């Protein structure tokens, strides 16, 4: 499942680790590894990256609980949320 987080940033989930590795491998072949912002368990992402991928102006002061809840809603809405990748699309 793919979800657009903000302009050119995509959150994509996978059922298992091998599907995630295939996606990463295809990005390596296309020389787009610099586009990968995060890969792994979606619940292990840190607050700073959450804020960066959700908000265009991530330097402004936003209540941390709002950011966490918004990200949690996105993760919970995906049907297979064991593995994810967050990357810049273009």
Protein backbone atom coordinates (compact mmCIF):
# COMPACT_ATOMS: atom_id res chain seq x y z
CA UNK A 1 0.00 0.00 0.00
CA UNK A 2 1.30 3.45 -0.93
CA UNK A 3 0.41 6.66 0.89
CA UNK A 4 1.58 10.12 -0.14
CA UNK A 5 2.75 11.94 2.96
CA UNK A 6 3.69 15.29 1.51
CA UNK A 7 4.98 16.55 -1.82
CA UNK A 8 7.14 13.78 -3.36
CA UNK A 9 7.36 11.72 -0.14
CA UNK A 10 5.79 8.24 -0.18
CA UNK A 11 5.12 5.75 2.61
CA UNK A 12 4.87 2.19 1.28
CA UNK A 13 4.16 -0.96 3.30
CA UNK A 14 5.03 -4.61 2.69
CA UNK A 15 3.87 -7.97 4.04
CA UNK A 16 7.32 -9.39 4.58
CA UNK A 17 10.99 -8.48 4.62
CA UNK A 18 11.74 -10.03 1.21
CA UNK A 19 9.25 -7.69 -0.52
CA UNK A 20 10.90 -4.73 1.21
CA UNK A 21 14.33 -5.95 0.12
CA UNK A 22 13.11 -6.28 -3.49
CA UNK A 23 11.96 -2.66 -3.43
CA UNK A 24 15.29 -1.52 -1.98
CA UNK A 25 17.19 -3.59 -4.54
CA UNK A 26 15.22 -2.04 -7.40
CA UNK A 27 16.05 1.41 -6.03
CA UNK A 28 19.74 0.45 -5.82
CA UNK A 29 19.69 -0.69 -9.46
CA UNK A 30 18.07 2.61 -10.48
CA UNK A 31 20.72 4.52 -8.44
CA UNK A 32 18.07 6.04 -6.19
CA UNK A 33 19.41 5.00 -2.79
CA UNK A 34 19.80 8.63 -1.79
CA UNK A 35 15.99 8.93 -2.05
CA UNK A 36 15.39 6.44 0.79
CA UNK A 37 14.57 8.25 4.03
CA UNK A 38 13.63 5.23 6.17
CA UNK A 39 13.24 1.47 5.89
CA UNK A 40 12.16 -1.11 8.44
CA UNK A 41 9.49 -1.33 11.14
CA UNK A 42 7.15 1.69 10.87
CA UNK A 43 6.83 1.92 14.65
CA UNK A 44 10.60 2.36 15.14
CA UNK A 45 10.82 5.69 13.30
CA UNK A 46 12.08 8.60 15.40
CA UNK A 47 10.13 11.80 16.07
CA UNK A 48 12.44 14.06 14.06
CA UNK A 49 11.95 12.02 10.88
CA UNK A 50 8.19 11.73 11.51
CA UNK A 51 7.93 15.49 11.58
CA UNK A 52 10.15 15.85 8.53
CA UNK A 53 8.09 13.50 6.34
CA UNK A 54 4.70 14.82 7.46
CA UNK A 55 5.16 18.59 7.38
CA UNK A 56 6.44 20.83 4.63
CA UNK A 57 7.76 23.35 7.15
CA UNK A 58 9.10 20.91 9.71
CA UNK A 59 11.18 23.53 11.54
CA UNK A 60 8.13 25.28 13.03
CA UNK A 61 7.00 24.34 16.51
CA UNK A 62 4.27 21.66 16.50
CA UNK A 63 2.95 19.69 19.47
CA UNK A 64 4.86 16.37 19.47
CA UNK A 65 1.74 14.41 20.43
CA UNK A 66 -0.10 15.73 17.34
CA UNK A 67 2.76 14.58 15.10
CA UNK A 68 2.89 11.14 16.71
CA UNK A 69 -0.89 10.65 16.48
CA UNK A 70 -0.98 11.73 12.84
CA UNK A 71 1.83 9.30 11.96
CA UNK A 72 0.19 6.51 14.00
CA UNK A 73 -3.07 7.03 12.07
CA UNK A 74 -1.21 6.61 8.78
CA UNK A 75 0.54 3.43 9.98
CA UNK A 76 -2.65 1.96 11.42
CA UNK A 77 -4.59 2.64 8.21
CA UNK A 78 -2.25 0.45 6.17
CA UNK A 79 -3.32 -3.17 5.93
CA UNK A 80 0.15 -4.70 6.16
CA UNK A 81 2.30 -2.69 8.49
CA UNK A 82 5.16 -4.99 9.47
CA UNK A 83 7.68 -3.40 7.11
CA UNK A 84 7.76 -0.04 5.40
CA UNK A 85 9.89 2.26 3.32
CA UNK A 86 9.65 6.03 3.19
CA UNK A 87 11.27 7.63 0.17
CA UNK A 88 11.29 10.64 -2.10
CA UNK A 89 9.48 9.80 -5.30
CA UNK A 90 11.24 12.24 -7.66
